């Protein structure tokens, strides 16, 4: 229990997990246990991909969606990381912003789609704002948690060495929280990919 695996074992088990899902998918669809309306067969999925590619829709659509997510992630990182660090490093800032951020996270992004369209029309900027709002509060909370999780012993050593607040943040808290911040970026990237379909769907209405 809780013992690390070798890279080979990890890779093999990961492949087996994917293979099991594919086998179950094939059994359910080719065995006609699930109607194609609810779950198409792998063959039907592949044919649909080929049709989109033949019409030259597939690659441009992937590029546009990727570019939208990339722009949104840039703004989420640019704004969310400093606010999260501020909240994690300073208790007054945390007390001031925590309830606002938690409240913002609780609001479903789909519920404010109408306001986004009203403020930003249905152009490209509206899609980016939609994705941004869907992920920014998660980024702030995750970065705050990353900063708070830095070992207190490092902070005490820095204070004993008369480090300034700026030095503590840039040389202790940020380096210590960096791995978790990278994970936060990955989480927010995933969140925005779940929202991208809704963003593009709403803007076409």
N, C-alpha and C. Protein backbone atom coordinates (compact mmCIF):
# COMPACT_ATOMS: atom_id res chain seq x y z
N UNK A 1 0.83 -1.19 0.00
CA UNK A 1 0.00 0.00 0.00
C UNK A 1 0.88 1.25 0.00
N UNK A 2 0.56 2.17 -0.92
CA UNK A 2 1.27 3.45 -1.05
C UNK A 2 2.75 3.27 -1.37
N UNK A 3 3.10 2.15 -2.00
CA UNK A 3 4.48 1.94 -2.42
C UNK A 3 4.62 2.35 -3.89
N UNK A 4 5.70 3.04 -4.25
CA UNK A 4 5.86 3.49 -5.64
C UNK A 4 6.08 2.32 -6.60
N UNK A 5 5.61 2.51 -7.85
CA UNK A 5 5.81 1.51 -8.90
C UNK A 5 6.99 1.93 -9.77
N UNK A 6 7.56 0.97 -10.45
CA UNK A 6 8.57 1.30 -11.45
C UNK A 6 7.90 1.97 -12.64
N UNK A 7 8.69 2.67 -13.45
CA UNK A 7 8.13 3.35 -14.61
C UNK A 7 7.50 2.35 -15.58
N UNK A 8 8.12 1.18 -15.72
CA UNK A 8 7.58 0.17 -16.62
C UNK A 8 6.23 -0.34 -16.14
N UNK A 9 6.15 -0.66 -14.84
CA UNK A 9 4.88 -1.15 -14.29
C UNK A 9 3.80 -0.08 -14.38
N UNK A 10 4.17 1.16 -14.11
CA UNK A 10 3.21 2.26 -14.20
C UNK A 10 2.67 2.40 -15.62
N UNK A 11 3.58 2.33 -16.61
CA UNK A 11 3.17 2.45 -18.01
C UNK A 11 2.28 1.29 -18.43
N UNK A 12 2.63 0.07 -18.02
CA UNK A 12 1.84 -1.11 -18.39
C UNK A 12 0.44 -1.03 -17.79
N UNK A 13 0.34 -0.68 -16.51
CA UNK A 13 -0.96 -0.58 -15.86
C UNK A 13 -1.80 0.54 -16.46
N UNK A 14 -1.15 1.64 -16.84
CA UNK A 14 -1.87 2.72 -17.51
C UNK A 14 -2.45 2.28 -18.84
N UNK A 15 -1.66 1.53 -19.60
CA UNK A 15 -2.14 1.00 -20.89
C UNK A 15 -3.28 0.01 -20.68
N UNK A 16 -3.16 -0.84 -19.65
CA UNK A 16 -4.21 -1.81 -19.36
C UNK A 16 -5.51 -1.11 -19.01
N UNK A 17 -5.42 -0.03 -18.24
CA UNK A 17 -6.62 0.72 -17.87
C UNK A 17 -7.34 1.25 -19.10
N UNK A 18 -6.57 1.82 -20.05
CA UNK A 18 -7.18 2.31 -21.28
C UNK A 18 -7.76 1.17 -22.10
N UNK A 19 -7.03 0.06 -22.17
CA UNK A 19 -7.49 -1.09 -22.95
C UNK A 19 -8.80 -1.65 -22.40
N UNK A 20 -8.94 -1.67 -21.08
CA UNK A 20 -10.18 -2.17 -20.47
C UNK A 20 -11.37 -1.31 -20.88
N UNK A 21 -11.17 0.01 -20.87
CA UNK A 21 -12.25 0.92 -21.27
C UNK A 21 -12.64 0.69 -22.72
N UNK A 22 -11.63 0.53 -23.60
CA UNK A 22 -11.91 0.29 -25.02
C UNK A 22 -12.65 -1.03 -25.21
N UNK A 23 -12.25 -2.06 -24.49
CA UNK A 23 -12.91 -3.37 -24.61
C UNK A 23 -14.37 -3.27 -24.17
N UNK A 24 -14.61 -2.60 -23.04
CA UNK A 24 -15.99 -2.42 -22.56
C UNK A 24 -16.81 -1.64 -23.58
N UNK A 25 -16.19 -0.60 -24.15
CA UNK A 25 -16.86 0.20 -25.19
C UNK A 25 -17.25 -0.68 -26.37
N UNK A 26 -16.33 -1.50 -26.83
CA UNK A 26 -16.61 -2.38 -27.97
C UNK A 26 -17.71 -3.39 -27.63
N UNK A 27 -17.67 -3.97 -26.46
CA UNK A 27 -18.68 -4.96 -26.07
C UNK A 27 -20.06 -4.32 -26.02
N UNK A 28 -20.16 -3.13 -25.44
CA UNK A 28 -21.45 -2.46 -25.31
C UNK A 28 -22.02 -2.03 -26.65
N UNK A 29 -21.15 -1.56 -27.55
CA UNK A 29 -21.65 -1.02 -28.82
C UNK A 29 -21.81 -2.09 -29.89
N UNK A 30 -20.80 -2.89 -30.11
CA UNK A 30 -20.91 -3.94 -31.13
C UNK A 30 -21.86 -5.06 -30.67
N UNK A 31 -22.01 -5.22 -29.37
CA UNK A 31 -22.94 -6.23 -28.86
C UNK A 31 -24.36 -5.72 -28.79
N UNK A 32 -24.58 -4.45 -29.20
CA UNK A 32 -25.91 -3.83 -29.23
C UNK A 32 -26.57 -3.78 -27.86
N UNK A 33 -25.75 -3.63 -26.83
CA UNK A 33 -26.29 -3.44 -25.49
C UNK A 33 -26.69 -1.98 -25.26
N UNK A 34 -26.10 -1.07 -26.03
CA UNK A 34 -26.40 0.35 -25.95
C UNK A 34 -26.72 0.85 -27.35
N UNK A 35 -27.75 1.65 -27.47
CA UNK A 35 -28.14 2.16 -28.78
C UNK A 35 -27.09 3.14 -29.30
N UNK A 36 -26.85 3.14 -30.63
CA UNK A 36 -25.84 4.05 -31.21
C UNK A 36 -26.13 5.52 -30.92
N UNK A 37 -27.42 5.84 -30.69
CA UNK A 37 -27.77 7.23 -30.39
C UNK A 37 -27.08 7.70 -29.11
N UNK A 38 -26.92 6.80 -28.15
CA UNK A 38 -26.33 7.16 -26.86
C UNK A 38 -24.83 6.90 -26.81
N UNK A 39 -24.35 5.89 -27.54
CA UNK A 39 -22.93 5.57 -27.55
C UNK A 39 -22.57 4.94 -28.89
N UNK A 40 -21.98 5.70 -29.80
CA UNK A 40 -21.61 5.14 -31.11
C UNK A 40 -20.46 4.15 -30.98
N UNK A 41 -20.31 3.32 -32.00
CA UNK A 41 -19.22 2.35 -32.02
C UNK A 41 -17.90 3.04 -32.34
N UNK A 42 -16.76 2.43 -32.01
CA UNK A 42 -15.47 2.99 -32.40
C UNK A 42 -15.37 3.22 -33.91
N UNK A 43 -15.96 2.30 -34.69
CA UNK A 43 -15.93 2.44 -36.15
C UNK A 43 -16.67 3.70 -36.58
N UNK A 44 -17.85 3.93 -36.00
CA UNK A 44 -18.63 5.12 -36.35
C UNK A 44 -17.89 6.39 -35.95
N UNK A 45 -17.23 6.35 -34.81
CA UNK A 45 -16.46 7.51 -34.39
C UNK A 45 -15.33 7.81 -35.37
N UNK A 46 -14.62 6.77 -35.79
CA UNK A 46 -13.51 6.95 -36.72
C UNK A 46 -14.01 7.47 -38.06
N UNK A 47 -15.15 6.98 -38.53
CA UNK A 47 -15.71 7.45 -39.78
C UNK A 47 -16.11 8.92 -39.70
N UNK A 48 -16.64 9.33 -38.56
CA UNK A 48 -17.01 10.74 -38.38
C UNK A 48 -15.78 11.63 -38.41
N UNK A 49 -14.70 11.16 -37.78
CA UNK A 49 -13.45 11.94 -37.80
C UNK A 49 -12.94 12.08 -39.23
N UNK A 50 -13.00 10.99 -40.00
CA UNK A 50 -12.56 11.04 -41.38
C UNK A 50 -13.41 11.99 -42.21
N UNK A 51 -14.72 12.00 -41.96
CA UNK A 51 -15.61 12.91 -42.70
C UNK A 51 -15.28 14.37 -42.40
N UNK A 52 -15.04 14.67 -41.12
CA UNK A 52 -14.67 16.04 -40.76
C UNK A 52 -13.35 16.45 -41.39
N UNK A 53 -12.40 15.51 -41.42
CA UNK A 53 -11.11 15.80 -42.02
C UNK A 53 -11.24 16.00 -43.53
N UNK A 54 -12.10 15.22 -44.17
CA UNK A 54 -12.31 15.36 -45.61
C UNK A 54 -12.91 16.71 -45.96
N UNK A 55 -13.75 17.23 -45.08
CA UNK A 55 -14.35 18.55 -45.29
C UNK A 55 -13.43 19.68 -44.86
N UNK A 56 -12.25 19.33 -44.35
CA UNK A 56 -11.27 20.31 -43.86
C UNK A 56 -11.82 21.14 -42.70
N UNK A 57 -12.59 20.49 -41.84
CA UNK A 57 -13.12 21.15 -40.65
C UNK A 57 -12.35 20.76 -39.39
N UNK A 58 -11.77 19.58 -39.38
CA UNK A 58 -11.21 19.03 -38.14
C UNK A 58 -10.02 19.83 -37.63
N UNK A 59 -8.98 19.95 -38.46
CA UNK A 59 -7.75 20.60 -38.01
C UNK A 59 -7.97 22.08 -37.67
N UNK A 60 -8.67 22.86 -38.53
CA UNK A 60 -8.92 24.26 -38.15
C UNK A 60 -9.69 24.40 -36.85
N UNK A 61 -10.65 23.49 -36.61
CA UNK A 61 -11.42 23.56 -35.36
C UNK A 61 -10.54 23.28 -34.15
N UNK A 62 -9.66 22.30 -34.28
CA UNK A 62 -8.74 21.97 -33.18
C UNK A 62 -7.80 23.14 -32.91
N UNK A 63 -7.29 23.74 -33.97
CA UNK A 63 -6.36 24.87 -33.81
C UNK A 63 -7.05 26.05 -33.14
N UNK A 64 -8.27 26.37 -33.58
CA UNK A 64 -8.99 27.50 -32.99
C UNK A 64 -9.29 27.27 -31.51
N UNK A 65 -9.74 26.07 -31.18
CA UNK A 65 -10.06 25.77 -29.78
C UNK A 65 -8.80 25.81 -28.92
N UNK A 66 -7.70 25.26 -29.44
CA UNK A 66 -6.45 25.26 -28.69
C UNK A 66 -5.96 26.68 -28.44
N UNK A 67 -6.09 27.54 -29.44
CA UNK A 67 -5.65 28.92 -29.31
C UNK A 67 -6.50 29.67 -28.29
N UNK A 68 -7.81 29.39 -28.26
CA UNK A 68 -8.69 30.03 -27.28
C UNK A 68 -8.32 29.60 -25.86
N UNK A 69 -8.10 28.32 -25.68
CA UNK A 69 -7.72 27.82 -24.35
C UNK A 69 -6.37 28.39 -23.94
N UNK A 70 -5.43 28.46 -24.86
CA UNK A 70 -4.09 28.98 -24.54
C UNK A 70 -4.16 30.44 -24.09
N UNK A 71 -4.95 31.25 -24.81
CA UNK A 71 -5.09 32.66 -24.42
C UNK A 71 -5.74 32.79 -23.04
N UNK A 72 -6.78 32.01 -22.82
CA UNK A 72 -7.47 32.07 -21.53
C UNK A 72 -6.55 31.62 -20.40
N UNK A 73 -5.77 30.55 -20.63
CA UNK A 73 -4.86 30.05 -19.61
C UNK A 73 -3.79 31.08 -19.29
N UNK A 74 -3.34 31.81 -20.29
CA UNK A 74 -2.36 32.87 -20.06
C UNK A 74 -2.90 33.91 -19.08
N UNK A 75 -4.13 34.37 -19.32
CA UNK A 75 -4.72 35.38 -18.44
C UNK A 75 -5.04 34.82 -17.06
N UNK A 76 -5.46 33.57 -17.01
CA UNK A 76 -5.73 32.93 -15.72
C UNK A 76 -4.45 32.87 -14.89
N UNK A 77 -3.34 32.50 -15.52
CA UNK A 77 -2.06 32.43 -14.81
C UNK A 77 -1.57 33.82 -14.41
N UNK A 78 -1.70 34.77 -15.33
CA UNK A 78 -1.20 36.12 -15.09
C UNK A 78 -1.91 36.79 -13.92
N UNK A 79 -3.21 36.54 -13.79
CA UNK A 79 -3.99 37.18 -12.73
C UNK A 79 -4.13 36.27 -11.51
N UNK A 80 -4.36 34.99 -11.75
CA UNK A 80 -4.65 34.08 -10.65
C UNK A 80 -3.47 33.78 -9.76
N UNK A 81 -2.27 33.62 -10.36
CA UNK A 81 -1.11 33.26 -9.55
C UNK A 81 -0.72 34.36 -8.57
N UNK A 82 -0.62 35.63 -8.99
CA UNK A 82 -0.28 36.67 -8.00
C UNK A 82 -1.32 36.80 -6.88
N UNK A 83 -2.60 36.70 -7.23
CA UNK A 83 -3.64 36.81 -6.19
C UNK A 83 -3.56 35.63 -5.24
N UNK A 84 -3.35 34.43 -5.78
CA UNK A 84 -3.22 33.25 -4.93
C UNK A 84 -2.02 33.32 -4.01
N UNK A 85 -0.89 33.80 -4.54
CA UNK A 85 0.31 33.97 -3.72
C UNK A 85 0.07 34.99 -2.63
N UNK A 86 -0.58 36.09 -2.97
CA UNK A 86 -0.89 37.13 -2.00
C UNK A 86 -1.77 36.58 -0.87
N UNK A 87 -2.78 35.79 -1.23
CA UNK A 87 -3.67 35.22 -0.22
C UNK A 87 -2.96 34.19 0.64
N UNK A 88 -2.07 33.42 0.04
CA UNK A 88 -1.36 32.40 0.79
C UNK A 88 -0.28 32.96 1.69
N UNK A 89 0.26 34.12 1.31
CA UNK A 89 1.38 34.69 2.07
C UNK A 89 0.92 35.65 3.17
N UNK A 90 -0.19 36.31 2.97
CA UNK A 90 -0.62 37.35 3.91
C UNK A 90 -2.05 37.08 4.38
N UNK A 91 -2.20 36.85 5.67
CA UNK A 91 -3.51 36.53 6.25
C UNK A 91 -4.54 37.64 6.02
N UNK A 92 -4.19 38.95 6.15
CA UNK A 92 -5.20 39.98 5.89
C UNK A 92 -5.74 39.93 4.45
N UNK A 93 -4.86 39.69 3.48
CA UNK A 93 -5.31 39.57 2.10
C UNK A 93 -6.21 38.36 1.92
N UNK A 94 -5.87 37.28 2.61
CA UNK A 94 -6.68 36.08 2.54
C UNK A 94 -8.06 36.33 3.13
N UNK A 95 -8.12 36.99 4.28
CA UNK A 95 -9.41 37.30 4.91
C UNK A 95 -10.24 38.22 4.03
N UNK A 96 -9.58 39.14 3.35
CA UNK A 96 -10.29 40.11 2.50
C UNK A 96 -10.89 39.46 1.25
N UNK A 97 -10.16 38.52 0.67
CA UNK A 97 -10.54 37.98 -0.64
C UNK A 97 -11.15 36.59 -0.61
N UNK A 98 -10.94 35.84 0.46
CA UNK A 98 -11.31 34.42 0.46
C UNK A 98 -12.80 34.19 0.19
N UNK A 99 -13.66 34.93 0.86
CA UNK A 99 -15.10 34.74 0.66
C UNK A 99 -15.53 35.14 -0.74
N UNK A 100 -14.91 36.18 -1.27
CA UNK A 100 -15.24 36.60 -2.64
C UNK A 100 -14.85 35.53 -3.65
N UNK A 101 -13.66 34.99 -3.48
CA UNK A 101 -13.17 33.97 -4.41
C UNK A 101 -14.00 32.69 -4.28
N UNK A 102 -14.29 32.29 -3.05
CA UNK A 102 -15.10 31.08 -2.85
C UNK A 102 -16.50 31.27 -3.43
N UNK A 103 -17.05 32.46 -3.25
CA UNK A 103 -18.36 32.73 -3.83
C UNK A 103 -18.34 32.72 -5.35
N UNK A 104 -17.28 33.30 -5.92
CA UNK A 104 -17.16 33.29 -7.38
C UNK A 104 -17.02 31.89 -7.94
N UNK A 105 -16.30 31.03 -7.22
CA UNK A 105 -16.14 29.64 -7.67
C UNK A 105 -17.47 28.90 -7.66
N UNK A 106 -18.36 29.30 -6.76
CA UNK A 106 -19.64 28.59 -6.62
C UNK A 106 -20.65 28.96 -7.71
N UNK A 107 -20.41 30.06 -8.39
CA UNK A 107 -21.34 30.49 -9.43
C UNK A 107 -21.08 29.70 -10.70
N UNK A 108 -22.06 28.97 -11.23
CA UNK A 108 -21.84 28.23 -12.49
C UNK A 108 -21.62 29.18 -13.65
N UNK A 109 -20.58 28.92 -14.42
CA UNK A 109 -20.26 29.80 -15.56
C UNK A 109 -21.39 29.85 -16.57
N UNK A 110 -22.09 28.73 -16.73
CA UNK A 110 -23.21 28.71 -17.68
C UNK A 110 -24.31 29.68 -17.25
N UNK A 111 -24.38 29.97 -15.94
CA UNK A 111 -25.42 30.86 -15.46
C UNK A 111 -25.20 32.31 -15.84
N UNK A 112 -23.96 32.68 -16.17
CA UNK A 112 -23.68 34.06 -16.55
C UNK A 112 -23.33 34.19 -18.03
N UNK A 113 -23.64 33.14 -18.80
CA UNK A 113 -23.35 33.19 -20.24
C UNK A 113 -24.07 34.36 -20.89
N UNK A 114 -25.31 34.61 -20.45
CA UNK A 114 -26.07 35.72 -21.02
C UNK A 114 -25.41 37.06 -20.78
N UNK A 115 -24.87 37.26 -19.56
CA UNK A 115 -24.19 38.51 -19.26
C UNK A 115 -22.92 38.66 -20.09
N UNK A 116 -22.21 37.56 -20.28
CA UNK A 116 -20.98 37.62 -21.08
C UNK A 116 -21.30 38.03 -22.50
N UNK A 117 -22.37 37.47 -23.06
CA UNK A 117 -22.79 37.85 -24.42
C UNK A 117 -23.20 39.31 -24.45
N UNK A 118 -23.92 39.76 -23.40
CA UNK A 118 -24.37 41.15 -23.34
C UNK A 118 -23.20 42.11 -23.28
N UNK A 119 -22.17 41.76 -22.50
CA UNK A 119 -21.02 42.64 -22.32
C UNK A 119 -20.02 42.56 -23.46
N UNK A 120 -19.80 41.35 -24.00
CA UNK A 120 -18.73 41.14 -24.96
C UNK A 120 -19.22 40.68 -26.33
N UNK A 121 -20.54 40.72 -26.54
CA UNK A 121 -21.13 40.28 -27.81
C UNK A 121 -20.86 38.78 -28.01
N UNK A 122 -20.73 38.35 -29.26
CA UNK A 122 -20.52 36.93 -29.54
C UNK A 122 -19.20 36.70 -30.26
N UNK A 123 -18.29 37.64 -30.10
CA UNK A 123 -16.99 37.53 -30.78
C UNK A 123 -16.02 36.64 -30.04
N UNK A 124 -14.79 36.69 -30.51
CA UNK A 124 -13.73 35.85 -29.95
C UNK A 124 -13.45 36.20 -28.49
N UNK A 125 -13.52 37.48 -28.16
CA UNK A 125 -13.23 37.90 -26.79
C UNK A 125 -14.23 37.30 -25.80
N UNK A 126 -15.48 37.12 -26.21
CA UNK A 126 -16.49 36.54 -25.32
C UNK A 126 -16.14 35.10 -24.97
N UNK A 127 -15.63 34.34 -25.92
CA UNK A 127 -15.24 32.95 -25.65
C UNK A 127 -14.09 32.89 -24.65
N UNK A 128 -13.12 33.80 -24.82
CA UNK A 128 -11.97 33.82 -23.92
C UNK A 128 -12.40 34.22 -22.52
N UNK A 129 -13.27 35.20 -22.41
CA UNK A 129 -13.77 35.62 -21.10
C UNK A 129 -14.55 34.49 -20.43
N UNK A 130 -15.33 33.78 -21.20
CA UNK A 130 -16.11 32.65 -20.67
C UNK A 130 -15.18 31.60 -20.06
N UNK A 131 -14.15 31.23 -20.78
CA UNK A 131 -13.18 30.25 -20.29
C UNK A 131 -12.41 30.79 -19.09
N UNK A 132 -12.08 32.07 -19.14
CA UNK A 132 -11.35 32.70 -18.05
C UNK A 132 -12.13 32.64 -16.75
N UNK A 133 -13.40 33.01 -16.81
CA UNK A 133 -14.24 33.01 -15.61
C UNK A 133 -14.43 31.59 -15.09
N UNK A 134 -14.47 30.63 -16.00
CA UNK A 134 -14.66 29.24 -15.59
C UNK A 134 -13.49 28.67 -14.81
N UNK A 135 -12.30 29.27 -14.95
CA UNK A 135 -11.09 28.68 -14.33
C UNK A 135 -10.39 29.58 -13.33
N UNK A 136 -10.61 30.89 -13.37
CA UNK A 136 -9.79 31.82 -12.58
C UNK A 136 -9.91 31.57 -11.09
N UNK A 137 -11.12 31.29 -10.60
CA UNK A 137 -11.29 31.11 -9.15
C UNK A 137 -10.63 29.83 -8.67
N UNK A 138 -10.65 28.79 -9.50
CA UNK A 138 -9.95 27.55 -9.14
C UNK A 138 -8.45 27.78 -9.08
N UNK A 139 -7.93 28.57 -10.02
CA UNK A 139 -6.50 28.85 -10.02
C UNK A 139 -6.09 29.58 -8.74
N UNK A 140 -6.87 30.58 -8.35
CA UNK A 140 -6.54 31.35 -7.15
C UNK A 140 -6.54 30.44 -5.92
N UNK A 141 -7.56 29.61 -5.79
CA UNK A 141 -7.67 28.73 -4.62
C UNK A 141 -6.54 27.71 -4.59
N UNK A 142 -6.21 27.13 -5.75
CA UNK A 142 -5.16 26.13 -5.80
C UNK A 142 -3.78 26.73 -5.51
N UNK A 143 -3.53 27.93 -6.03
CA UNK A 143 -2.25 28.59 -5.76
C UNK A 143 -2.16 28.97 -4.28
N UNK A 144 -3.24 29.47 -3.73
CA UNK A 144 -3.26 29.79 -2.30
C UNK A 144 -2.91 28.56 -1.47
N UNK A 145 -3.52 27.43 -1.79
CA UNK A 145 -3.24 26.19 -1.06
C UNK A 145 -1.79 25.75 -1.25
N UNK A 146 -1.25 25.96 -2.47
CA UNK A 146 0.14 25.59 -2.74
C UNK A 146 1.09 26.41 -1.88
N UNK A 147 0.83 27.69 -1.74
CA UNK A 147 1.69 28.55 -0.93
C UNK A 147 1.58 28.17 0.55
N UNK A 148 0.37 27.90 1.01
CA UNK A 148 0.18 27.53 2.40
C UNK A 148 0.81 26.19 2.74
N UNK A 149 0.99 25.34 1.74
CA UNK A 149 1.55 24.01 1.99
C UNK A 149 3.07 23.99 2.06
N UNK A 150 3.72 25.11 1.76
CA UNK A 150 5.19 25.17 1.85
C UNK A 150 5.60 24.95 3.30
N UNK A 151 6.62 24.15 3.50
CA UNK A 151 7.08 23.80 4.84
C UNK A 151 7.41 25.05 5.65
N UNK A 152 6.81 25.13 6.84
CA UNK A 152 7.00 26.30 7.70
C UNK A 152 8.46 26.47 8.13
N UNK A 153 9.21 25.38 8.15
CA UNK A 153 10.62 25.46 8.57
C UNK A 153 11.43 26.35 7.62
N UNK A 154 11.12 26.28 6.31
CA UNK A 154 11.84 27.12 5.36
C UNK A 154 11.57 28.60 5.63
N UNK A 155 10.33 28.89 5.97
CA UNK A 155 9.96 30.28 6.25
C UNK A 155 10.67 30.79 7.49
N UNK A 156 10.76 29.96 8.52
CA UNK A 156 11.43 30.37 9.76
C UNK A 156 12.92 30.61 9.53
N UNK A 157 13.55 29.76 8.72
CA UNK A 157 14.97 29.97 8.40
C UNK A 157 15.17 31.29 7.68
N UNK A 158 14.30 31.59 6.72
CA UNK A 158 14.41 32.85 5.99
C UNK A 158 14.23 34.04 6.92
N UNK A 159 13.30 33.95 7.86
CA UNK A 159 13.09 35.04 8.82
C UNK A 159 14.30 35.19 9.74
N UNK A 160 14.90 34.08 10.14
CA UNK A 160 16.10 34.13 10.98
C UNK A 160 17.27 34.80 10.26
N UNK A 161 17.28 34.67 8.94
CA UNK A 161 18.34 35.29 8.13
C UNK A 161 17.99 36.72 7.72
N UNK A 162 16.92 37.26 8.32
CA UNK A 162 16.49 38.65 8.06
C UNK A 162 16.11 38.88 6.60
N UNK A 163 15.50 37.88 5.97
CA UNK A 163 15.03 38.05 4.60
C UNK A 163 13.84 39.00 4.57
N UNK A 164 13.78 39.81 3.53
CA UNK A 164 12.66 40.73 3.37
C UNK A 164 11.42 39.97 2.89
N UNK A 165 10.27 40.63 2.90
CA UNK A 165 9.05 39.98 2.44
C UNK A 165 9.16 39.57 0.97
N UNK A 166 9.76 40.46 0.19
CA UNK A 166 9.93 40.14 -1.23
C UNK A 166 10.82 38.92 -1.42
N UNK A 167 11.90 38.84 -0.65
CA UNK A 167 12.80 37.69 -0.74
C UNK A 167 12.11 36.40 -0.28
N UNK A 168 11.30 36.50 0.76
CA UNK A 168 10.59 35.32 1.25
C UNK A 168 9.64 34.78 0.18
N UNK A 169 8.96 35.71 -0.50
CA UNK A 169 8.01 35.29 -1.53
C UNK A 169 8.73 34.71 -2.73
N UNK A 170 9.76 35.43 -3.21
CA UNK A 170 10.42 35.03 -4.46
C UNK A 170 11.40 33.88 -4.29
N UNK A 171 11.99 33.73 -3.09
CA UNK A 171 13.03 32.72 -2.90
C UNK A 171 12.63 31.54 -2.01
N UNK A 172 11.50 31.69 -1.33
CA UNK A 172 11.05 30.60 -0.44
C UNK A 172 9.68 30.08 -0.86
N UNK A 173 8.68 30.95 -0.83
CA UNK A 173 7.30 30.51 -1.06
C UNK A 173 7.06 30.08 -2.50
N UNK A 174 7.48 30.91 -3.46
CA UNK A 174 7.24 30.56 -4.86
C UNK A 174 7.98 29.30 -5.29
N UNK A 175 9.30 29.17 -5.01
CA UNK A 175 9.97 27.91 -5.38
C UNK A 175 9.36 26.70 -4.69
N UNK A 176 8.97 26.85 -3.42
CA UNK A 176 8.38 25.73 -2.72
C UNK A 176 7.01 25.34 -3.25
N UNK A 177 6.27 26.33 -3.73
CA UNK A 177 4.92 26.07 -4.22
C UNK A 177 4.88 25.76 -5.71
N UNK A 178 6.00 25.93 -6.41
CA UNK A 178 6.01 25.81 -7.87
C UNK A 178 5.47 24.48 -8.40
N UNK A 179 5.86 23.32 -7.83
CA UNK A 179 5.29 22.06 -8.35
C UNK A 179 3.77 22.02 -8.28
N UNK A 180 3.21 22.50 -7.15
CA UNK A 180 1.76 22.51 -7.02
C UNK A 180 1.12 23.55 -7.94
N UNK A 181 1.85 24.63 -8.22
CA UNK A 181 1.32 25.64 -9.14
C UNK A 181 1.24 25.08 -10.56
N UNK A 182 2.25 24.28 -10.95
CA UNK A 182 2.20 23.62 -12.25
C UNK A 182 1.00 22.69 -12.33
N UNK A 183 0.72 21.98 -11.23
CA UNK A 183 -0.45 21.12 -11.19
C UNK A 183 -1.73 21.93 -11.31
N UNK A 184 -1.75 23.11 -10.68
CA UNK A 184 -2.91 23.99 -10.77
C UNK A 184 -3.14 24.43 -12.21
N UNK A 185 -2.07 24.73 -12.92
CA UNK A 185 -2.19 25.10 -14.33
C UNK A 185 -2.78 23.95 -15.14
N UNK A 186 -2.33 22.73 -14.85
CA UNK A 186 -2.86 21.56 -15.56
C UNK A 186 -4.34 21.37 -15.26
N UNK A 187 -4.72 21.57 -13.99
CA UNK A 187 -6.13 21.42 -13.61
C UNK A 187 -6.99 22.46 -14.32
N UNK A 188 -6.54 23.71 -14.33
CA UNK A 188 -7.30 24.77 -14.98
C UNK A 188 -7.35 24.58 -16.48
N UNK A 189 -6.28 24.06 -17.06
CA UNK A 189 -6.31 23.73 -18.49
C UNK A 189 -7.39 22.70 -18.78
N UNK A 190 -7.48 21.68 -17.93
CA UNK A 190 -8.52 20.68 -18.11
C UNK A 190 -9.91 21.25 -17.94
N UNK A 191 -10.07 22.15 -16.96
CA UNK A 191 -11.38 22.78 -16.75
C UNK A 191 -11.80 23.55 -17.99
N UNK A 192 -10.86 24.29 -18.58
CA UNK A 192 -11.22 25.09 -19.75
C UNK A 192 -11.54 24.23 -20.96
N UNK A 193 -10.91 23.06 -21.07
CA UNK A 193 -11.26 22.16 -22.18
C UNK A 193 -12.66 21.58 -21.98
N UNK A 194 -13.12 21.48 -20.73
CA UNK A 194 -14.49 21.02 -20.53
C UNK A 194 -15.49 22.13 -20.85
N UNK A 195 -15.05 23.38 -20.69
CA UNK A 195 -15.93 24.52 -20.96
C UNK A 195 -15.90 24.97 -22.41
N UNK A 196 -14.91 24.55 -23.19
CA UNK A 196 -14.74 25.10 -24.54
C UNK A 196 -15.95 24.82 -25.43
N UNK A 197 -16.54 23.63 -25.28
CA UNK A 197 -17.72 23.30 -26.09
C UNK A 197 -18.87 24.22 -25.73
N UNK A 198 -19.08 24.45 -24.43
CA UNK A 198 -20.15 25.34 -24.00
C UNK A 198 -19.88 26.76 -24.47
N UNK A 199 -18.62 27.20 -24.39
CA UNK A 199 -18.28 28.55 -24.83
C UNK A 199 -18.60 28.74 -26.31
N UNK A 200 -18.20 27.79 -27.13
CA UNK A 200 -18.43 27.92 -28.56
C UNK A 200 -19.92 27.72 -28.90
N UNK A 201 -20.60 26.88 -28.13
CA UNK A 201 -22.02 26.66 -28.38
C UNK A 201 -22.83 27.91 -28.05
N UNK A 202 -22.57 28.51 -26.88
CA UNK A 202 -23.33 29.68 -26.46
C UNK A 202 -23.13 30.85 -27.41
N UNK A 203 -21.89 30.99 -27.90
CA UNK A 203 -21.60 32.14 -28.76
C UNK A 203 -22.20 31.99 -30.16
N UNK A 204 -22.69 30.78 -30.48
CA UNK A 204 -23.29 30.58 -31.79
C UNK A 204 -24.81 30.75 -31.77
N UNK A 205 -25.35 30.92 -30.54
CA UNK A 205 -26.80 31.03 -30.42
C UNK A 205 -27.29 32.40 -30.90
